[in-house]
């Protein structure tokens, strides 16, 4: 059996009341969310490593706390893709191609720009998650909708923390 048929078989083997077609759509939604998280994780680590500011110690620790939360979210999203019968995208190229979050290639912004960029990225993810929650509800998957609601609330909290540095 080819790998592509094997992947389809994974979804066919799941009998939880959600159609095979809907499970494929849900896995794709989750993979897109995973890509956003992974690019944001990388960007946050970049800023952790490269921040220069009189608030260096606070920002360095703050960025570390944020990327640890995002890292946990990356793992949870990948596991959710597997739980609905999909395969996770897992290459940097796939993440970049699937993400709404843009990198700062070759750029080393000042600390306030870093904070603003991350805030904007979290807000982008929040808006995407809102849309994806509704789509998962329409696909009859309240479990994934609830899972994504939790992710959205995590990003809302991280955005609030970023705003507190900017004010």
N, C-alpha and C. Protein backbone atom coordinates (compact mmCIF):
# COMPACT_ATOMS: atom_id res chain seq x y z
N UNK A 1 0.85 -1.19 0.00
CA UNK A 1 0.00 0.00 0.00
C UNK A 1 0.89 1.24 0.00
N UNK A 2 0.60 2.21 -0.83
CA UNK A 2 1.40 3.43 -0.89
C UNK A 2 1.16 4.28 0.35
N UNK A 3 2.08 5.20 0.57
CA UNK A 3 1.96 6.08 1.73
C UNK A 3 0.68 6.90 1.67
N UNK A 4 0.31 7.41 0.49
CA UNK A 4 -0.89 8.23 0.40
C UNK A 4 -2.14 7.41 0.72
N UNK A 5 -2.18 6.16 0.29
CA UNK A 5 -3.32 5.31 0.64
C UNK A 5 -3.31 5.01 2.13
N UNK A 6 -2.13 4.83 2.69
CA UNK A 6 -2.01 4.59 4.12
C UNK A 6 -2.56 5.77 4.91
N UNK A 7 -2.27 6.99 4.47
CA UNK A 7 -2.77 8.17 5.15
C UNK A 7 -4.29 8.22 5.10
N UNK A 8 -4.87 7.91 3.96
CA UNK A 8 -6.32 7.88 3.82
C UNK A 8 -6.90 6.80 4.73
N UNK A 9 -6.23 5.65 4.81
CA UNK A 9 -6.72 4.56 5.66
C UNK A 9 -6.81 5.01 7.11
N UNK A 10 -5.88 5.83 7.56
CA UNK A 10 -5.93 6.32 8.94
C UNK A 10 -7.24 7.04 9.21
N UNK A 11 -7.63 7.88 8.28
CA UNK A 11 -8.88 8.62 8.47
C UNK A 11 -10.08 7.68 8.36
N UNK A 12 -10.03 6.73 7.44
CA UNK A 12 -11.13 5.79 7.29
C UNK A 12 -11.33 4.92 8.53
N UNK A 13 -10.24 4.63 9.23
CA UNK A 13 -10.32 3.77 10.41
C UNK A 13 -10.96 4.46 11.62
N UNK A 14 -11.14 5.75 11.55
CA UNK A 14 -11.71 6.49 12.67
C UNK A 14 -13.23 6.51 12.52
N UNK A 15 -13.91 6.07 13.57
CA UNK A 15 -15.38 6.02 13.55
C UNK A 15 -15.90 6.75 14.77
N UNK A 16 -15.89 8.08 14.71
CA UNK A 16 -16.32 8.90 15.84
C UNK A 16 -17.52 9.78 15.51
N UNK A 17 -18.17 9.49 14.37
CA UNK A 17 -19.35 10.26 14.00
C UNK A 17 -19.05 11.45 13.11
N UNK A 18 -17.81 11.59 12.68
CA UNK A 18 -17.44 12.67 11.77
C UNK A 18 -17.03 12.01 10.45
N UNK A 19 -17.53 12.52 9.36
CA UNK A 19 -17.24 11.90 8.06
C UNK A 19 -15.76 11.98 7.72
N UNK A 20 -15.32 11.07 6.88
CA UNK A 20 -13.93 11.01 6.43
C UNK A 20 -13.55 12.33 5.76
N UNK A 21 -14.45 12.86 4.93
CA UNK A 21 -14.19 14.13 4.25
C UNK A 21 -14.02 15.28 5.24
N UNK A 22 -14.88 15.33 6.26
CA UNK A 22 -14.77 16.37 7.27
C UNK A 22 -13.47 16.23 8.07
N UNK A 23 -13.08 14.99 8.38
CA UNK A 23 -11.83 14.78 9.11
C UNK A 23 -10.63 15.28 8.31
N UNK A 24 -10.65 15.08 7.01
CA UNK A 24 -9.56 15.59 6.17
C UNK A 24 -9.51 17.12 6.25
N UNK A 25 -10.67 17.76 6.17
CA UNK A 25 -10.72 19.22 6.25
C UNK A 25 -10.23 19.71 7.61
N UNK A 26 -10.63 19.01 8.65
CA UNK A 26 -10.22 19.38 10.00
C UNK A 26 -8.70 19.23 10.16
N UNK A 27 -8.15 18.14 9.64
CA UNK A 27 -6.69 17.93 9.71
C UNK A 27 -5.96 19.06 8.97
N UNK A 28 -6.50 19.50 7.84
CA UNK A 28 -5.87 20.60 7.11
C UNK A 28 -5.95 21.92 7.88
N UNK A 29 -7.08 22.17 8.51
CA UNK A 29 -7.23 23.37 9.35
C UNK A 29 -6.18 23.34 10.46
N UNK A 30 -6.08 22.20 11.13
CA UNK A 30 -5.13 22.07 12.23
C UNK A 30 -3.69 22.21 11.74
N UNK A 31 -3.38 21.66 10.58
CA UNK A 31 -2.04 21.79 10.03
C UNK A 31 -1.71 23.24 9.71
N UNK A 32 -2.67 24.00 9.21
CA UNK A 32 -2.44 25.42 8.97
C UNK A 32 -2.20 26.16 10.29
N UNK A 33 -2.96 25.82 11.31
CA UNK A 33 -2.75 26.42 12.63
C UNK A 33 -1.38 26.04 13.18
N UNK A 34 -0.98 24.80 12.96
CA UNK A 34 0.34 24.34 13.39
C UNK A 34 1.44 25.16 12.71
N UNK A 35 1.28 25.43 11.44
CA UNK A 35 2.28 26.23 10.71
C UNK A 35 2.39 27.63 11.31
N UNK A 36 1.25 28.25 11.61
CA UNK A 36 1.28 29.58 12.23
C UNK A 36 2.01 29.54 13.56
N UNK A 37 1.72 28.55 14.36
CA UNK A 37 2.36 28.43 15.67
C UNK A 37 3.88 28.23 15.53
N UNK A 38 4.26 27.40 14.57
CA UNK A 38 5.69 27.09 14.43
C UNK A 38 6.48 28.30 13.96
N UNK A 39 5.93 29.05 13.01
CA UNK A 39 6.62 30.25 12.55
C UNK A 39 6.68 31.28 13.69
N UNK A 40 5.60 31.42 14.44
CA UNK A 40 5.61 32.34 15.58
C UNK A 40 6.62 31.88 16.64
N UNK A 41 6.72 30.59 16.87
CA UNK A 41 7.71 30.04 17.80
C UNK A 41 9.12 30.46 17.38
N UNK A 42 9.42 30.28 16.12
CA UNK A 42 10.74 30.62 15.60
C UNK A 42 11.01 32.12 15.73
N UNK A 43 10.02 32.92 15.40
CA UNK A 43 10.18 34.37 15.48
C UNK A 43 10.40 34.81 16.93
N UNK A 44 9.65 34.23 17.85
CA UNK A 44 9.78 34.58 19.26
C UNK A 44 11.16 34.18 19.79
N UNK A 45 11.65 33.01 19.39
CA UNK A 45 13.01 32.58 19.79
C UNK A 45 14.05 33.53 19.22
N UNK A 46 13.88 33.93 17.96
CA UNK A 46 14.78 34.89 17.34
C UNK A 46 14.85 36.16 18.19
N UNK A 47 13.71 36.67 18.58
CA UNK A 47 13.68 37.89 19.38
C UNK A 47 14.29 37.66 20.76
N UNK A 48 14.07 36.52 21.35
CA UNK A 48 14.68 36.16 22.64
C UNK A 48 16.20 36.23 22.52
N UNK A 49 16.74 35.68 21.44
CA UNK A 49 18.18 35.63 21.26
C UNK A 49 18.77 37.01 20.93
N UNK A 50 18.02 37.84 20.23
CA UNK A 50 18.59 39.05 19.64
C UNK A 50 18.11 40.37 20.24
N UNK A 51 17.31 40.32 21.29
CA UNK A 51 16.82 41.57 21.86
C UNK A 51 17.97 42.36 22.47
N UNK A 52 17.96 43.67 22.21
CA UNK A 52 18.91 44.61 22.81
C UNK A 52 18.10 45.80 23.28
N UNK A 53 18.15 46.05 24.57
CA UNK A 53 17.30 47.10 25.14
C UNK A 53 17.70 47.26 26.60
N UNK A 54 17.47 48.44 27.18
CA UNK A 54 17.71 48.58 28.62
C UNK A 54 16.88 47.59 29.46
N UNK A 55 15.78 47.12 28.88
CA UNK A 55 14.93 46.13 29.57
C UNK A 55 15.34 44.70 29.19
N UNK A 56 16.57 44.53 28.75
CA UNK A 56 17.02 43.25 28.21
C UNK A 56 16.62 42.07 29.10
N UNK A 57 16.96 42.13 30.37
CA UNK A 57 16.71 40.99 31.25
C UNK A 57 15.22 40.63 31.28
N UNK A 58 14.38 41.63 31.45
CA UNK A 58 12.93 41.38 31.48
C UNK A 58 12.42 40.83 30.16
N UNK A 59 12.84 41.44 29.05
CA UNK A 59 12.37 41.00 27.73
C UNK A 59 12.92 39.63 27.37
N UNK A 60 14.18 39.39 27.69
CA UNK A 60 14.79 38.08 27.40
C UNK A 60 14.01 36.97 28.10
N UNK A 61 13.71 37.16 29.38
CA UNK A 61 12.93 36.17 30.13
C UNK A 61 11.49 36.08 29.62
N UNK A 62 10.89 37.22 29.31
CA UNK A 62 9.52 37.26 28.82
C UNK A 62 9.40 36.50 27.50
N UNK A 63 10.30 36.75 26.56
CA UNK A 63 10.26 36.04 25.28
C UNK A 63 10.45 34.54 25.50
N UNK A 64 11.29 34.17 26.45
CA UNK A 64 11.49 32.75 26.74
C UNK A 64 10.20 32.12 27.26
N UNK A 65 9.52 32.80 28.17
CA UNK A 65 8.24 32.29 28.68
C UNK A 65 7.24 32.12 27.54
N UNK A 66 7.22 33.09 26.63
CA UNK A 66 6.27 33.02 25.53
C UNK A 66 6.61 31.86 24.58
N UNK A 67 7.89 31.71 24.23
CA UNK A 67 8.20 30.63 23.29
C UNK A 67 8.02 29.26 23.92
N UNK A 68 8.15 29.15 25.23
CA UNK A 68 7.86 27.86 25.88
C UNK A 68 6.37 27.53 25.79
N UNK A 69 5.51 28.53 25.97
CA UNK A 69 4.07 28.31 25.82
C UNK A 69 3.72 27.94 24.39
N UNK A 70 4.33 28.62 23.43
CA UNK A 70 4.06 28.34 22.02
C UNK A 70 4.57 26.96 21.66
N UNK A 71 5.72 26.58 22.19
CA UNK A 71 6.28 25.25 21.91
C UNK A 71 5.32 24.16 22.38
N UNK A 72 4.75 24.33 23.55
CA UNK A 72 3.77 23.35 24.05
C UNK A 72 2.56 23.31 23.13
N UNK A 73 2.14 24.46 22.64
CA UNK A 73 0.99 24.52 21.74
C UNK A 73 1.29 23.82 20.42
N UNK A 74 2.51 23.96 19.92
CA UNK A 74 2.92 23.27 18.69
C UNK A 74 2.72 21.77 18.86
N UNK A 75 3.20 21.24 19.96
CA UNK A 75 3.08 19.80 20.21
C UNK A 75 1.61 19.37 20.32
N UNK A 76 0.82 20.16 21.03
CA UNK A 76 -0.60 19.83 21.19
C UNK A 76 -1.34 19.85 19.85
N UNK A 77 -1.03 20.82 19.01
CA UNK A 77 -1.66 20.88 17.68
C UNK A 77 -1.28 19.68 16.83
N UNK A 78 0.00 19.33 16.85
CA UNK A 78 0.44 18.17 16.07
C UNK A 78 -0.26 16.90 16.55
N UNK A 79 -0.38 16.76 17.85
CA UNK A 79 -1.07 15.58 18.40
C UNK A 79 -2.55 15.58 18.04
N UNK A 80 -3.17 16.75 17.97
CA UNK A 80 -4.59 16.82 17.59
C UNK A 80 -4.77 16.43 16.13
N UNK A 81 -3.82 16.83 15.27
CA UNK A 81 -3.88 16.39 13.86
C UNK A 81 -3.88 14.87 13.81
N UNK A 82 -3.02 14.25 14.58
CA UNK A 82 -2.93 12.79 14.60
C UNK A 82 -4.20 12.18 15.18
N UNK A 83 -4.78 12.82 16.19
CA UNK A 83 -5.98 12.28 16.84
C UNK A 83 -7.17 12.25 15.89
N UNK A 84 -7.21 13.18 14.92
CA UNK A 84 -8.32 13.17 13.96
C UNK A 84 -7.98 12.35 12.72
N UNK A 85 -6.84 11.66 12.75
CA UNK A 85 -6.48 10.75 11.68
C UNK A 85 -5.58 11.31 10.60
N UNK A 86 -5.11 12.53 10.78
CA UNK A 86 -4.24 13.13 9.78
C UNK A 86 -2.78 12.91 10.07
N UNK A 87 -1.97 13.36 9.14
CA UNK A 87 -0.52 13.40 9.30
C UNK A 87 -0.13 14.86 9.45
N UNK A 88 0.84 15.12 10.30
CA UNK A 88 1.25 16.50 10.50
C UNK A 88 2.25 16.93 9.44
N UNK A 89 2.08 18.16 8.98
CA UNK A 89 3.14 18.77 8.20
C UNK A 89 4.28 18.99 9.19
N UNK A 90 5.50 18.76 8.75
CA UNK A 90 6.57 18.83 9.73
C UNK A 90 7.89 19.32 9.16
N UNK A 91 7.82 20.06 8.08
CA UNK A 91 9.05 20.64 7.54
C UNK A 91 8.95 22.16 7.58
N UNK A 92 10.09 22.80 7.67
CA UNK A 92 10.10 24.26 7.70
C UNK A 92 9.48 24.85 6.44
N UNK A 93 9.76 24.24 5.30
CA UNK A 93 9.20 24.73 4.04
C UNK A 93 7.67 24.66 4.07
N UNK A 94 7.13 23.55 4.56
CA UNK A 94 5.67 23.42 4.65
C UNK A 94 5.10 24.46 5.62
N UNK A 95 5.78 24.68 6.73
CA UNK A 95 5.31 25.68 7.69
C UNK A 95 5.29 27.07 7.06
N UNK A 96 6.37 27.45 6.41
CA UNK A 96 6.45 28.77 5.79
C UNK A 96 5.37 28.92 4.72
N UNK A 97 5.17 27.88 3.91
CA UNK A 97 4.19 27.95 2.83
C UNK A 97 2.75 27.98 3.33
N UNK A 98 2.51 27.46 4.54
CA UNK A 98 1.15 27.36 5.06
C UNK A 98 0.79 28.45 6.05
N UNK A 99 1.76 29.22 6.50
CA UNK A 99 1.54 30.16 7.59
C UNK A 99 1.12 31.54 7.12
N UNK A 100 0.28 32.16 7.92
CA UNK A 100 -0.09 33.56 7.73
C UNK A 100 0.94 34.47 8.41
N UNK A 101 1.77 33.91 9.28
CA UNK A 101 2.77 34.67 10.01
C UNK A 101 4.01 34.80 9.12
N UNK A 102 4.54 35.99 9.04
CA UNK A 102 5.71 36.24 8.18
C UNK A 102 6.97 36.38 9.04
N UNK A 103 8.06 35.90 8.50
CA UNK A 103 9.34 36.00 9.18
C UNK A 103 9.95 37.39 8.97
N UNK A 104 10.96 37.70 9.78
CA UNK A 104 11.74 38.93 9.64
C UNK A 104 13.14 38.56 9.14
N UNK A 105 13.22 37.99 7.96
CA UNK A 105 14.49 37.48 7.45
C UNK A 105 15.51 38.61 7.37
N UNK A 106 16.66 38.40 8.01
CA UNK A 106 17.76 39.36 7.95
C UNK A 106 17.52 40.65 8.71
N UNK A 107 16.46 40.72 9.48
CA UNK A 107 16.10 41.94 10.19
C UNK A 107 16.32 41.75 11.69
N UNK A 108 16.83 42.79 12.33
CA UNK A 108 17.01 42.78 13.77
C UNK A 108 16.37 44.04 14.34
N UNK A 109 15.03 44.01 14.48
CA UNK A 109 14.32 45.21 14.92
C UNK A 109 14.64 45.57 16.37
N UNK A 110 14.32 46.82 16.71
CA UNK A 110 14.49 47.22 18.11
C UNK A 110 13.42 46.53 18.96
N UNK A 111 13.57 46.59 20.26
CA UNK A 111 12.71 45.85 21.18
C UNK A 111 11.24 46.22 21.03
N UNK A 112 10.95 47.51 20.89
CA UNK A 112 9.55 47.91 20.76
C UNK A 112 8.93 47.38 19.47
N UNK A 113 9.70 47.34 18.39
CA UNK A 113 9.21 46.77 17.14
C UNK A 113 8.99 45.27 17.29
N UNK A 114 9.91 44.61 17.99
CA UNK A 114 9.74 43.17 18.26
C UNK A 114 8.41 42.93 18.97
N UNK A 115 8.16 43.70 20.02
CA UNK A 115 6.92 43.54 20.79
C UNK A 115 5.70 43.78 19.89
N UNK A 116 5.74 44.83 19.09
CA UNK A 116 4.64 45.14 18.18
C UNK A 116 4.43 44.06 17.13
N UNK A 117 5.54 43.53 16.59
CA UNK A 117 5.43 42.46 15.60
C UNK A 117 4.78 41.22 16.20
N UNK A 118 5.23 40.85 17.40
CA UNK A 118 4.66 39.66 18.04
C UNK A 118 3.20 39.87 18.39
N UNK A 119 2.85 41.06 18.85
CA UNK A 119 1.45 41.35 19.15
C UNK A 119 0.61 41.20 17.89
N UNK A 120 1.06 41.76 16.80
CA UNK A 120 0.33 41.65 15.53
C UNK A 120 0.18 40.18 15.12
N UNK A 121 1.24 39.39 15.30
CA UNK A 121 1.19 37.97 14.94
C UNK A 121 0.19 37.21 15.81
N UNK A 122 0.17 37.49 17.10
CA UNK A 122 -0.80 36.83 17.98
C UNK A 122 -2.22 37.22 17.57
N UNK A 123 -2.42 38.49 17.24
CA UNK A 123 -3.75 38.92 16.83
C UNK A 123 -4.17 38.26 15.52
N UNK A 124 -3.22 38.05 14.61
CA UNK A 124 -3.51 37.33 13.37
C UNK A 124 -3.95 35.90 13.69
N UNK A 125 -3.23 35.26 14.59
CA UNK A 125 -3.58 33.88 14.97
C UNK A 125 -4.95 33.85 15.65
N UNK A 126 -5.24 34.81 16.50
CA UNK A 126 -6.54 34.86 17.18
C UNK A 126 -7.67 34.96 16.15
N UNK A 127 -7.51 35.84 15.17
CA UNK A 127 -8.55 35.98 14.13
C UNK A 127 -8.70 34.70 13.31
N UNK A 128 -7.58 34.07 12.99
CA UNK A 128 -7.63 32.81 12.25
C UNK A 128 -8.32 31.73 13.07
N UNK A 129 -7.98 31.64 14.35
CA UNK A 129 -8.59 30.63 15.21
C UNK A 129 -10.10 30.85 15.33
N UNK A 130 -10.53 32.09 15.45
CA UNK A 130 -11.98 32.37 15.51
C UNK A 130 -12.69 31.79 14.29
N UNK A 131 -12.11 32.03 13.12
CA UNK A 131 -12.67 31.52 11.87
C UNK A 131 -12.65 29.98 11.87
N UNK A 132 -11.55 29.40 12.32
CA UNK A 132 -11.41 27.95 12.31
C UNK A 132 -12.30 27.26 13.33
N UNK A 133 -12.58 27.91 14.44
CA UNK A 133 -13.50 27.36 15.43
C UNK A 133 -14.88 27.19 14.79
N UNK A 134 -15.33 28.24 14.12
CA UNK A 134 -16.64 28.19 13.45
C UNK A 134 -16.66 27.10 12.38
N UNK A 135 -15.56 27.01 11.61
CA UNK A 135 -15.50 26.00 10.56
C UNK A 135 -15.54 24.59 11.14
N UNK A 136 -14.84 24.35 12.24
CA UNK A 136 -14.88 23.02 12.87
C UNK A 136 -16.27 22.71 13.42
N UNK A 137 -16.96 23.71 13.95
CA UNK A 137 -18.34 23.50 14.38
C UNK A 137 -19.21 23.11 13.19
N UNK A 138 -19.01 23.80 12.07
CA UNK A 138 -19.77 23.48 10.86
C UNK A 138 -19.45 22.08 10.34
N UNK A 139 -18.24 21.60 10.62
CA UNK A 139 -17.82 20.25 10.20
C UNK A 139 -18.19 19.20 11.25
N UNK A 140 -18.98 19.60 12.24
CA UNK A 140 -19.52 18.71 13.28
C UNK A 140 -18.44 18.16 14.21
N UNK A 141 -17.41 18.97 14.47
CA UNK A 141 -16.34 18.56 15.39
C UNK A 141 -16.22 19.57 16.52
N UNK A 142 -17.09 19.40 17.51
CA UNK A 142 -17.07 20.28 18.68
C UNK A 142 -15.79 20.10 19.49
N UNK A 143 -15.23 18.89 19.48
CA UNK A 143 -13.99 18.64 20.22
C UNK A 143 -12.86 19.52 19.72
N UNK A 144 -12.68 19.55 18.40
CA UNK A 144 -11.63 20.39 17.84
C UNK A 144 -11.97 21.87 18.01
N UNK A 145 -13.25 22.22 17.88
CA UNK A 145 -13.66 23.61 18.11
C UNK A 145 -13.30 24.04 19.53
N UNK A 146 -13.56 23.18 20.51
CA UNK A 146 -13.21 23.50 21.90
C UNK A 146 -11.70 23.58 22.08
N UNK A 147 -10.98 22.66 21.46
CA UNK A 147 -9.52 22.66 21.51
C UNK A 147 -8.98 23.98 20.96
N UNK A 148 -9.51 24.42 19.82
CA UNK A 148 -9.04 25.67 19.22
C UNK A 148 -9.47 26.88 20.04
N UNK A 149 -10.60 26.78 20.72
CA UNK A 149 -11.01 27.87 21.62
C UNK A 149 -9.99 28.04 22.73
N UNK A 150 -9.51 26.93 23.28
CA UNK A 150 -8.46 27.00 24.31
C UNK A 150 -7.20 27.64 23.75
N UNK A 151 -6.83 27.29 22.52
CA UNK A 151 -5.64 27.88 21.88
C UNK A 151 -5.85 29.39 21.70
N UNK A 152 -7.03 29.78 21.28
CA UNK A 152 -7.33 31.19 21.08
C UNK A 152 -7.18 31.96 22.40
N UNK A 153 -7.70 31.38 23.48
CA UNK A 153 -7.59 32.03 24.78
C UNK A 153 -6.13 32.15 25.23
N UNK A 154 -5.30 31.17 24.91
CA UNK A 154 -3.88 31.25 25.23
C UNK A 154 -3.24 32.42 24.47
N UNK A 155 -3.59 32.58 23.21
CA UNK A 155 -3.03 33.68 22.42
C UNK A 155 -3.57 35.03 22.88
N UNK A 156 -4.82 35.07 23.31
CA UNK A 156 -5.36 36.32 23.85
C UNK A 156 -4.58 36.74 25.09
N UNK A 157 -4.22 35.78 25.93
CA UNK A 157 -3.45 36.10 27.13
C UNK A 157 -2.03 36.55 26.77
N UNK A 158 -1.40 35.87 25.81
CA UNK A 158 -0.06 36.29 25.40
C UNK A 158 -0.10 37.68 24.76
N UNK A 159 -1.13 37.97 23.99
CA UNK A 159 -1.28 39.30 23.38
C UNK A 159 -1.45 40.36 24.47
N UNK A 160 -2.23 40.06 25.47
CA UNK A 160 -2.41 41.01 26.58
C UNK A 160 -1.07 41.29 27.26
N UNK A 161 -0.28 40.25 27.48
CA UNK A 161 1.03 40.43 28.10
C UNK A 161 1.95 41.29 27.23
N UNK A 162 1.91 41.07 25.93
CA UNK A 162 2.70 41.90 25.02
C UNK A 162 2.25 43.35 25.08
N UNK A 163 0.94 43.56 25.10
CA UNK A 163 0.40 44.93 25.19
C UNK A 163 0.90 45.63 26.45
N UNK A 164 1.06 44.88 27.54
CA UNK A 164 1.49 45.50 28.80
C UNK A 164 2.92 46.04 28.70
N UNK A 165 3.75 45.46 27.86
CA UNK A 165 5.10 45.99 27.63
C UNK A 165 5.07 47.20 26.74
N UNK A 166 4.11 47.28 25.84
CA UNK A 166 4.07 48.35 24.85
C UNK A 166 3.51 49.64 25.45
N UNK A 167 2.57 49.53 26.37
CA UNK A 167 1.89 50.72 26.92
C UNK A 167 2.86 51.62 27.66
